[in-house]
Amino acid sequence: MEKNALLVQHLTAADYELVPFTTVILPLGSLESHGPHLPFATDTLTAYFLALEVAAKVPGIRVLPPVSYGMSEHYRDFPFTVSLRPETETAVISDILESVYREGIRHVFIMNGHDGNIPSIEIAARKAKVAHPDLIIVGLDAWWNTIGPLLPKDFFEVWNGLGHGGEGELSIALALFPELCEPEHAKGVVPALPENLDVKWRFSEITNTGASGDPTKASQEKGFTMKKVLVDAIVAALQKLDACGWDYRSPEVKQGNKGGAS
């Protein structure tokens, strides 16, 4: 195995002493069905490979090993779902944040690939921030929503590219890990959900394929475009944070408080 200096799991204590770092990316994923055309670890792989792309472009950042399980109970009617309880996942994220803080990390970017992780990220991150005001935590909780405004109008053909294993997710997977994708088996269902409301569904209520949206409209070309605009946006945001020492406070707050961001 070739050593990758961007990966914390590849480093030794000697490496860390020689080149210490204070900023890490924490990729979060899941293990669950994404239909017949995507691997069970799609959310983990997407978050992890995007994290590597970002770390390669922002000096001083290292990537933590991904958390490969998430809160996936709402997908359990399809194989192969291995889920953490919400309180378990919250505890896992909390323990990771506490541990990296103890090790001297003060800047954490959470790259999330799975919808079921979002509540646990919020709880764990808020808890860590209250406990350690000098710990700066930023995140991309739902890249699939963030990417829409970054792309040209009508870039996607169906349902704005959304969906679990849909047009957008299969496209970016074809750009990041094509060897694991089987687009010839793509099937999905565009659900008829109420507009402007957030329905708390079980996945089997809205699709019978293990995927939602229309993955038959996916392409690797779309995926390369998606990857570029998303990585560029994240890199630009992190570079802006680096330029101000990750002190995102408003000028009025800085004038009244010369301490760290809180």
C-alpha atoms as a PDB file:
ATOM      1  CA  MET A   1       0.000   0.000   0.000  1.00  0.00           C
ATOM      2  CA  GLU A   2       1.345   3.411  -0.934  1.00  0.00           C
ATOM      3  CA  LYS A   3       1.457   5.935   1.896  1.00  0.00           C
ATOM      4  CA  ASN A   4      -0.839   8.936   1.475  1.00  0.00           C
ATOM      5  CA  ALA A   5       0.223  11.831   3.693  1.00  0.00           C
ATOM      6  CA  LEU A   6      -3.289  13.327   3.516  1.00  0.00           C
ATOM      7  CA  LEU A   7      -4.764  10.362   5.409  1.00  0.00           C
ATOM      8  CA  VAL A   8      -4.454  10.423   9.181  1.00  0.00           C
ATOM      9  CA  GLN A   9      -4.566   6.611   9.318  1.00  0.00           C
ATOM     10  CA  HIS A  10      -1.405   6.436   7.188  1.00  0.00           C
ATOM     11  CA  LEU A  11       0.639   8.737   9.424  1.00  0.00           C
ATOM     12  CA  THR A  12       2.998   7.780  12.234  1.00  0.00           C
ATOM     13  CA  ALA A  13       3.769   9.598  15.469  1.00  0.00           C
ATOM     14  CA  ALA A  14       7.057  10.652  13.850  1.00  0.00           C
ATOM     15  CA  ASP A  15       5.167  12.114  10.877  1.00  0.00           C
ATOM     16  CA  TYR A  16       2.868  14.071  13.175  1.00  0.00           C
ATOM     17  CA  GLU A  17       5.756  15.429  15.228  1.00  0.00           C
ATOM     18  CA  LEU A  18       7.537  16.528  12.068  1.00  0.00           C
ATOM     19  CA  VAL A  19       4.482  18.049  10.355  1.00  0.00           C
ATOM     20  CA  PRO A  20       1.712  18.729  12.895  1.00  0.00           C
ATOM     21  CA  PHE A  21      -1.715  19.823  11.688  1.00  0.00           C
ATOM     22  CA  THR A  22      -4.737  21.465  13.323  1.00  0.00           C
ATOM     23  CA  THR A  23      -7.400  20.988  10.614  1.00  0.00           C
ATOM     24  CA  VAL A  24      -9.141  17.730   9.693  1.00  0.00           C
ATOM     25  CA  ILE A  25     -12.004  16.555   7.529  1.00  0.00           C
ATOM     26  CA  LEU A  26     -14.380  14.006   9.045  1.00  0.00           C
ATOM     27  CA  PRO A  27     -16.261  12.065   6.321  1.00  0.00           C
ATOM     28  CA  LEU A  28     -19.567  10.495   7.405  1.00  0.00           C
ATOM     29  CA  GLY A  29     -21.486   7.886   5.443  1.00  0.00           C
ATOM     30  CA  SER A  30     -23.742   4.847   5.757  1.00  0.00           C
ATOM     31  CA  LEU A  31     -24.207   1.241   4.709  1.00  0.00           C
ATOM     32  CA  GLU A  32     -27.549   0.702   2.969  1.00  0.00           C
ATOM     33  CA  SER A  33     -29.219  -0.072  -0.340  1.00  0.00           C
ATOM     34  CA  HIS A  34     -28.954   2.508  -3.115  1.00  0.00           C
ATOM     35  CA  GLY A  35     -30.821   0.437  -5.655  1.00  0.00           C
ATOM     36  CA  PRO A  36     -29.427  -2.178  -8.035  1.00  0.00           C
ATOM     37  CA  HIS A  37     -26.946   0.242  -9.611  1.00  0.00           C
ATOM     38  CA  LEU A  38     -24.888   1.618  -6.694  1.00  0.00           C
ATOM     39  CA  PRO A  39     -22.836   0.015  -3.905  1.00  0.00           C
ATOM     40  CA  PHE A  40     -24.143  -0.171  -0.338  1.00  0.00           C
ATOM     41  CA  ALA A  41     -21.334   2.184   0.763  1.00  0.00           C
ATOM     42  CA  THR A  42     -22.211   4.924  -1.741  1.00  0.00           C
ATOM     43  CA  ASP A  43     -22.682   7.620   0.917  1.00  0.00           C
ATOM     44  CA  THR A  44     -19.398   6.768   2.629  1.00  0.00           C
ATOM     45  CA  LEU A  45     -17.417   6.579  -0.602  1.00  0.00           C
ATOM     46  CA  THR A  46     -18.844   9.852  -1.899  1.00  0.00           C
ATOM     47  CA  ALA A  47     -18.030  11.742   1.287  1.00  0.00           C
ATOM     48  CA  TYR A  48     -14.568  10.160   1.533  1.00  0.00           C
ATOM     49  CA  PHE A  49     -13.469  10.753  -2.053  1.00  0.00           C
ATOM     50  CA  LEU A  50     -14.788  14.322  -2.011  1.00  0.00           C
ATOM     51  CA  ALA A  51     -12.834  14.878   1.215  1.00  0.00           C
ATOM     52  CA  LEU A  52      -9.660  13.630  -0.462  1.00  0.00           C
ATOM     53  CA  GLU A  53     -10.222  15.932  -3.446  1.00  0.00           C
ATOM     54  CA  VAL A  54     -10.633  18.889  -1.097  1.00  0.00           C
ATOM     55  CA  ALA A  55      -7.636  18.007   1.086  1.00  0.00           C
ATOM     56  CA  ALA A  56      -5.407  17.784  -1.993  1.00  0.00           C
ATOM     57  CA  LYS A  57      -6.175  21.435  -2.757  1.00  0.00           C
ATOM     58  CA  VAL A  58      -6.052  23.007   0.711  1.00  0.00           C
ATOM     59  CA  PRO A  59      -2.617  22.914   2.389  1.00  0.00           C
ATOM     60  CA  GLY A  60      -2.505  21.707   5.980  1.00  0.00           C
ATOM     61  CA  ILE A  61      -5.704  19.645   5.953  1.00  0.00           C
ATOM     62  CA  ARG A  62      -5.751  15.941   6.773  1.00  0.00           C
ATOM     63  CA  VAL A  63      -8.591  13.449   6.303  1.00  0.00           C
ATOM     64  CA  LEU A  64      -9.798  11.236   9.135  1.00  0.00           C
ATOM     65  CA  PRO A  65     -10.944   7.669   8.410  1.00  0.00           C
ATOM     66  CA  PRO A  66     -14.604   7.760   7.351  1.00  0.00           C
ATOM     67  CA  VAL A  67     -17.394   6.666   9.655  1.00  0.00           C
ATOM     68  CA  SER A  68     -18.942   4.010   7.442  1.00  0.00           C
ATOM     69  CA  TYR A  69     -22.195   3.490   9.357  1.00  0.00           C
ATOM     70  CA  GLY A  70     -25.005   5.973   9.886  1.00  0.00           C
ATOM     71  CA  MET A  71     -28.581   6.209  11.081  1.00  0.00           C
ATOM     72  CA  SER A  72     -30.316   4.247   8.319  1.00  0.00           C
ATOM     73  CA  GLU A  73     -33.430   2.799   9.952  1.00  0.00           C
ATOM     74  CA  HIS A  74     -35.710   4.473   7.392  1.00  0.00           C
ATOM     75  CA  TYR A  75     -34.022   2.373   4.659  1.00  0.00           C
ATOM     76  CA  ARG A  76     -34.209  -0.954   6.507  1.00  0.00           C
ATOM     77  CA  ASP A  77     -36.887  -2.457   4.232  1.00  0.00           C
ATOM     78  CA  PHE A  78     -34.204  -2.827   1.548  1.00  0.00           C
ATOM     79  CA  PRO A  79     -30.999  -4.874   1.886  1.00  0.00           C
ATOM     80  CA  PHE A  80     -28.251  -4.389   3.024  1.00  0.00           C
ATOM     81  CA  THR A  81     -28.942  -1.937   5.846  1.00  0.00           C
ATOM     82  CA  VAL A  82     -26.629  -1.751   8.858  1.00  0.00           C
ATOM     83  CA  SER A  83     -27.745   1.123  11.057  1.00  0.00           C
ATOM     84  CA  LEU A  84     -26.656   2.950  14.175  1.00  0.00           C
ATOM     85  CA  ARG A  85     -29.265   4.220  16.608  1.00  0.00           C
ATOM     86  CA  PRO A  86     -29.461   8.047  16.587  1.00  0.00           C
ATOM     87  CA  GLU A  87     -28.086   8.237  20.120  1.00  0.00           C
ATOM     88  CA  THR A  88     -25.240   5.884  19.162  1.00  0.00           C
ATOM     89  CA  GLU A  89     -24.260   7.918  16.146  1.00  0.00           C
ATOM     90  CA  THR A  90     -24.449  11.147  18.125  1.00  0.00           C
ATOM     91  CA  ALA A  91     -22.145   9.586  20.708  1.00  0.00           C
ATOM     92  CA  VAL A  92     -19.706   8.380  18.024  1.00  0.00           C
ATOM     93  CA  ILE A  93     -19.439  11.835  16.433  1.00  0.00           C
ATOM     94  CA  SER A  94     -19.178  13.453  19.875  1.00  0.00           C
ATOM     95  CA  ASP A  95     -16.372  11.103  20.904  1.00  0.00           C
ATOM     96  CA  ILE A  96     -14.462  11.760  17.672  1.00  0.00           C
ATOM     97  CA  LEU A  97     -14.756  15.534  18.124  1.00  0.00           C
ATOM     98  CA  GLU A  98     -13.675  15.274  21.761  1.00  0.00           C
ATOM     99  CA  SER A  99     -10.724  13.078  20.822  1.00  0.00           C
ATOM    100  CA  VAL A 100      -9.398  15.255  18.017  1.00  0.00           C
ATOM    101  CA  TYR A 101      -9.742  18.324  20.218  1.00  0.00           C
ATOM    102  CA  ARG A 102      -7.636  16.584  22.870  1.00  0.00           C
ATOM    103  CA  GLU A 103      -5.035  15.891  20.156  1.00  0.00           C
ATOM    104  CA  GLY A 104      -4.734  19.582  19.314  1.00  0.00           C
ATOM    105  CA  ILE A 105      -7.175  19.843  16.410  1.00  0.00           C
ATOM    106  CA  ARG A 106      -9.044  23.149  16.454  1.00  0.00           C
ATOM    107  CA  HIS A 107     -10.645  23.178  12.973  1.00  0.00           C
ATOM    108  CA  VAL A 108     -12.997  20.406  11.809  1.00  0.00           C
ATOM    109  CA  PHE A 109     -14.843  20.169   8.501  1.00  0.00           C
ATOM    110  CA  ILE A 110     -17.576  17.517   8.536  1.00  0.00           C
ATOM    111  CA  MET A 111     -18.224  16.122   5.053  1.00  0.00           C
ATOM    112  CA  ASN A 112     -21.503  14.240   5.290  1.00  0.00           C
ATOM    113  CA  GLY A 113     -22.844  11.864   2.652  1.00  0.00           C
ATOM    114  CA  HIS A 114     -26.059  10.595   4.252  1.00  0.00           C
ATOM    115  CA  ASP A 115     -29.389  12.220   5.123  1.00  0.00           C
ATOM    116  CA  GLY A 116     -29.937  10.190   8.293  1.00  0.00           C
ATOM    117  CA  ASN A 117     -26.742  11.587   9.845  1.00  0.00           C
ATOM    118  CA  ILE A 118     -27.852  15.212   9.857  1.00  0.00           C
ATOM    119  CA  PRO A 119     -29.633  15.308  13.260  1.00  0.00           C
ATOM    120  CA  SER A 120     -26.708  13.582  15.005  1.00  0.00           C
ATOM    121  CA  ILE A 121     -24.200  15.960  13.407  1.00  0.00           C
ATOM    122  CA  GLU A 122     -26.193  18.923  14.669  1.00  0.00           C
ATOM    123  CA  ILE A 123     -26.455  17.632  18.237  1.00  0.00           C
ATOM    124  CA  ALA A 124     -22.845  16.430  18.507  1.00  0.00           C
ATOM    125  CA  ALA A 125     -21.351  19.545  16.914  1.00  0.00           C
ATOM    126  CA  ARG A 126     -23.392  21.949  19.070  1.00  0.00           C
ATOM    127  CA  LYS A 127     -22.388  19.994  22.165  1.00  0.00           C
ATOM    128  CA  ALA A 128     -18.709  20.085  21.235  1.00  0.00           C
ATOM    129  CA  LYS A 129     -18.834  23.801  20.462  1.00  0.00           C
ATOM    130  CA  VAL A 130     -20.365  24.632  23.830  1.00  0.00           C
ATOM    131  CA  ALA A 131     -17.769  22.493  25.606  1.00  0.00           C
ATOM    132  CA  HIS A 132     -14.858  23.951  23.597  1.00  0.00           C
ATOM    133  CA  PRO A 133     -15.520  27.495  22.306  1.00  0.00           C
ATOM    134  CA  ASP A 134     -12.167  27.525  20.475  1.00  0.00           C
ATOM    135  CA  LEU A 135     -13.121  24.448  18.437  1.00  0.00           C
ATOM    136  CA  ILE A 136     -14.337  25.613  15.015  1.00  0.00           C
ATOM    137  CA  ILE A 137     -16.684  23.133  13.336  1.00  0.00           C
ATOM    138  CA  VAL A 138     -18.026  23.675   9.831  1.00  0.00           C
ATOM    139  CA  GLY A 139     -19.819  21.179   7.689  1.00  0.00           C
ATOM    140  CA  LEU A 140     -21.576  20.237   4.516  1.00  0.00           C
ATOM    141  CA  ASP A 141     -24.575  18.337   5.820  1.00  0.00           C
ATOM    142  CA  ALA A 142     -26.386  17.777   2.514  1.00  0.00           C
ATOM    143  CA  TRP A 143     -24.157  18.178  -0.554  1.00  0.00           C
ATOM    144  CA  TRP A 144     -27.072  17.096  -2.763  1.00  0.00           C
ATOM    145  CA  ASN A 145     -28.945  20.291  -1.807  1.00  0.00           C
ATOM    146  CA  THR A 146     -25.882  22.548  -1.855  1.00  0.00           C
ATOM    147  CA  ILE A 147     -24.900  21.593  -5.376  1.00  0.00           C
ATOM    148  CA  GLY A 148     -28.124  22.674  -7.120  1.00  0.00           C
ATOM    149  CA  PRO A 149     -27.472  26.445  -7.133  1.00  0.00           C
ATOM    150  CA  LEU A 150     -23.849  25.851  -8.233  1.00  0.00           C
ATOM    151  CA  LEU A 151     -24.908  24.199 -11.493  1.00  0.00           C
ATOM    152  CA  PRO A 152     -26.402  25.687 -14.675  1.00  0.00           C
ATOM    153  CA  LYS A 153     -30.164  25.936 -14.833  1.00  0.00           C
ATOM    154  CA  ASP A 154     -31.781  22.731 -16.163  1.00  0.00           C
ATOM    155  CA  PHE A 155     -28.536  20.805 -15.615  1.00  0.00           C
ATOM    156  CA  PHE A 156     -30.534  17.853 -14.314  1.00  0.00           C
ATOM    157  CA  GLU A 157     -33.319  16.280 -16.331  1.00  0.00           C
ATOM    158  CA  VAL A 158     -35.631  14.920 -13.627  1.00  0.00           C
ATOM    159  CA  TRP A 159     -36.608  16.090 -10.125  1.00  0.00           C
ATOM    160  CA  ASN A 160     -33.654  18.518  -9.949  1.00  0.00           C
ATOM    161  CA  GLY A 161     -31.326  15.518  -9.897  1.00  0.00           C
ATOM    162  CA  LEU A 162     -32.453  14.617  -6.397  1.00  0.00           C
ATOM    163  CA  GLY A 163     -33.106  11.170  -5.026  1.00  0.00           C
ATOM    164  CA  HIS A 164     -31.476   8.415  -3.035  1.00  0.00           C
ATOM    165  CA  GLY A 165     -29.480   6.709  -5.772  1.00  0.00           C
ATOM    166  CA  GLY A 166     -31.011   9.121  -8.275  1.00  0.00           C
ATOM    167  CA  GLU A 167     -29.682  11.121 -11.217  1.00  0.00           C
ATOM    168  CA  GLY A 168     -27.321  13.268  -9.168  1.00  0.00           C
ATOM    169  CA  GLU A 169     -26.018  10.594  -6.826  1.00  0.00           C
ATOM    170  CA  LEU A 170     -25.321   8.068  -9.570  1.00  0.00           C
ATOM    171  CA  SER A 171     -23.678  10.768 -11.700  1.00  0.00           C
ATOM    172  CA  ILE A 172     -21.220  11.835  -9.003  1.00  0.00           C
ATOM    173  CA  ALA A 173     -20.551   8.186  -8.146  1.00  0.00           C
ATOM    174  CA  LEU A 174     -19.654   7.552 -11.794  1.00  0.00           C
ATOM    175  CA  ALA A 175     -17.109  10.362 -11.478  1.00  0.00           C
ATOM    176  CA  LEU A 176     -15.675   9.241  -8.119  1.00  0.00           C
ATOM    177  CA  PHE A 177     -15.826   5.410  -8.133  1.00  0.00           C
ATOM    178  CA  PRO A 178     -17.081   4.218 -11.536  1.00  0.00           C
ATOM    179  CA  GLU A 179     -15.708   0.704 -11.116  1.00  0.00           C
ATOM    180  CA  LEU A 180     -18.294   0.041  -8.368  1.00  0.00           C
ATOM    181  CA  CYS A 181     -21.306   1.359 -10.282  1.00  0.00           C
ATOM    182  CA  GLU A 182     -23.657  -0.627 -12.526  1.00  0.00           C
ATOM    183  CA  PRO A 183     -25.697   2.026 -14.371  1.00  0.00           C
ATOM    184  CA  GLU A 184     -27.144  -0.602 -16.707  1.00  0.00           C
ATOM    185  CA  HIS A 185     -29.293  -1.743 -13.757  1.00  0.00           C
ATOM    186  CA  ALA A 186     -30.482   1.771 -12.836  1.00  0.00           C
ATOM    187  CA  LYS A 187     -34.062   1.980 -11.590  1.00  0.00           C
ATOM    188  CA  GLY A 188     -35.770   4.593  -9.476  1.00  0.00           C
ATOM    189  CA  VAL A 189     -39.123   6.141  -8.592  1.00  0.00           C
ATOM    190  CA  VAL A 190     -39.875   9.865  -8.459  1.00  0.00           C
ATOM    191  CA  PRO A 191     -42.099  10.111  -5.378  1.00  0.00           C
ATOM    192  CA  ALA A 192     -45.329  12.110  -5.342  1.00  0.00           C
ATOM    193  CA  LEU A 193     -44.743  13.965  -2.089  1.00  0.00           C
ATOM    194  CA  PRO A 194     -46.570  17.100  -0.856  1.00  0.00           C
ATOM    195  CA  GLU A 195     -44.860  20.338  -1.856  1.00  0.00           C
ATOM    196  CA  ASN A 196     -43.313  22.618   0.786  1.00  0.00           C
ATOM    197  CA  LEU A 197     -43.607  19.973   3.499  1.00  0.00           C
ATOM    198  CA  ASP A 198     -41.052  17.566   4.959  1.00  0.00           C
ATOM    199  CA  VAL A 199     -42.584  14.093   5.039  1.00  0.00           C
ATOM    200  CA  LYS A 200     -40.995  11.662   7.513  1.00  0.00           C
ATOM    201  CA  TRP A 201     -41.237   8.613   5.261  1.00  0.00           C
ATOM    202  CA  ARG A 202     -39.998   5.061   5.404  1.00  0.00           C
ATOM    203  CA  PHE A 203     -38.233   4.558   2.115  1.00  0.00           C
ATOM    204  CA  SER A 204     -40.398   1.617   1.077  1.00  0.00           C
ATOM    205  CA  GLU A 205     -43.394   3.994   1.092  1.00  0.00           C
ATOM    206  CA  ILE A 206     -42.021   6.029  -1.801  1.00  0.00           C
ATOM    207  CA  THR A 207     -40.148   3.524  -3.965  1.00  0.00           C
ATOM    208  CA  ASN A 208     -40.071  -0.193  -4.682  1.00  0.00           C
ATOM    209  CA  THR A 209     -36.580  -0.190  -6.214  1.00  0.00           C
ATOM    210  CA  GLY A 210     -34.368   0.900  -3.324  1.00  0.00           C
ATOM    211  CA  ALA A 211     -33.763   4.191  -5.154  1.00  0.00           C
ATOM    212  CA  SER A 212     -35.673   7.416  -5.698  1.00  0.00           C
ATOM    213  CA  GLY A 213     -35.371   9.943  -8.495  1.00  0.00           C
ATOM    214  CA  ASP A 214     -34.401   8.888 -12.001  1.00  0.00           C
ATOM    215  CA  PRO A 215     -30.917   7.326 -12.142  1.00  0.00           C
ATOM    216  CA  THR A 216     -31.417   6.434 -15.823  1.00  0.00           C
ATOM    217  CA  LYS A 217     -30.644  10.099 -16.557  1.00  0.00           C
ATOM    218  CA  ALA A 218     -27.261   9.949 -14.816  1.00  0.00           C
ATOM    219  CA  SER A 219     -23.968  10.243 -16.661  1.00  0.00           C
ATOM    220  CA  GLN A 220     -20.293  10.379 -15.826  1.00  0.00           C
ATOM    221  CA  GLU A 221     -20.006  13.685 -17.676  1.00  0.00           C
ATOM    222  CA  LYS A 222     -22.583  15.204 -15.331  1.00  0.00           C
ATOM    223  CA  GLY A 223     -20.683  13.691 -12.422  1.00  0.00           C
ATOM    224  CA  PHE A 224     -17.389  15.296 -13.394  1.00  0.00           C
ATOM    225  CA  THR A 225     -19.113  18.684 -13.591  1.00  0.00           C
ATOM    226  CA  MET A 226     -20.783  18.110 -10.224  1.00  0.00           C
ATOM    227  CA  LYS A 227     -17.524  17.080  -8.600  1.00  0.00           C
ATOM    228  CA  LYS A 228     -15.688  20.119  -9.916  1.00  0.00           C
ATOM    229  CA  VAL A 229     -18.219  22.732  -8.844  1.00  0.00           C
ATOM    230  CA  LEU A 230     -18.715  21.149  -5.428  1.00  0.00           C
ATOM    231  CA  VAL A 231     -15.025  20.691  -4.657  1.00  0.00           C
ATOM    232  CA  ASP A 232     -14.247  24.190  -5.933  1.00  0.00           C
ATOM    233  CA  ALA A 233     -16.941  25.679  -3.689  1.00  0.00           C
ATOM    234  CA  ILE A 234     -15.713  23.815  -0.603  1.00  0.00           C
ATOM    235  CA  VAL A 235     -12.073  24.683  -1.313  1.00  0.00           C
ATOM    236  CA  ALA A 236     -12.920  28.358  -1.775  1.00  0.00           C
ATOM    237  CA  ALA A 237     -14.806  28.410   1.529  1.00  0.00           C
ATOM    238  CA  LEU A 238     -11.980  26.694   3.417  1.00  0.00           C
ATOM    239  CA  GLN A 239      -9.357  28.973   1.870  1.00  0.00           C
ATOM    240  CA  LYS A 240     -11.406  31.959   2.992  1.00  0.00           C
ATOM    241  CA  LEU A 241     -11.506  30.527   6.508  1.00  0.00           C
ATOM    242  CA  ASP A 242      -7.741  29.934   6.413  1.00  0.00           C
ATOM    243  CA  ALA A 243      -7.192  33.542   5.353  1.00  0.00           C
ATOM    244  CA  CYS A 244      -8.950  34.827   8.483  1.00  0.00           C
ATOM    245  CA  GLY A 245      -7.574  32.170  10.836  1.00  0.00           C
ATOM    246  CA  TRP A 246     -10.993  30.497  10.924  1.00  0.00           C
ATOM    247  CA  ASP A 247     -12.272  33.525  12.846  1.00  0.00           C
ATOM    248  CA  TYR A 248     -15.700  33.927  11.283  1.00  0.00           C
ATOM    249  CA  ARG A 249     -17.003  36.376  13.881  1.00  0.00           C
ATOM    250  CA  SER A 250     -18.679  39.588  12.818  1.00  0.00           C
ATOM    251  CA  PRO A 251     -16.483  42.725  13.073  1.00  0.00           C
ATOM    252  CA  GLU A 252     -18.721  44.082  15.814  1.00  0.00           C
ATOM    253  CA  VAL A 253     -18.166  40.951  17.892  1.00  0.00           C
ATOM    254  CA  LYS A 254     -14.407  41.034  17.328  1.00  0.00           C
ATOM    255  CA  GLN A 255     -14.238  44.613  18.590  1.00  0.00           C
ATOM    256  CA  GLY A 256     -15.931  43.636  21.815  1.00  0.00           C
ATOM    257  CA  ASN A 257     -14.124  40.327  22.301  1.00  0.00           C
ATOM    258  CA  LYS A 258     -10.502  39.837  21.331  1.00  0.00           C
ATOM    259  CA  GLY A 259     -10.566  36.108  22.204  1.00  0.00           C
ATOM    260  CA  GLY A 260     -11.169  33.117  19.919  1.00  0.00           C
ATOM    261  CA  ALA A 261     -14.307  32.553  17.865  1.00  0.00           C
ATOM    262  CA  SER A 262     -17.243  31.368  19.945  1.00  0.00           C
END
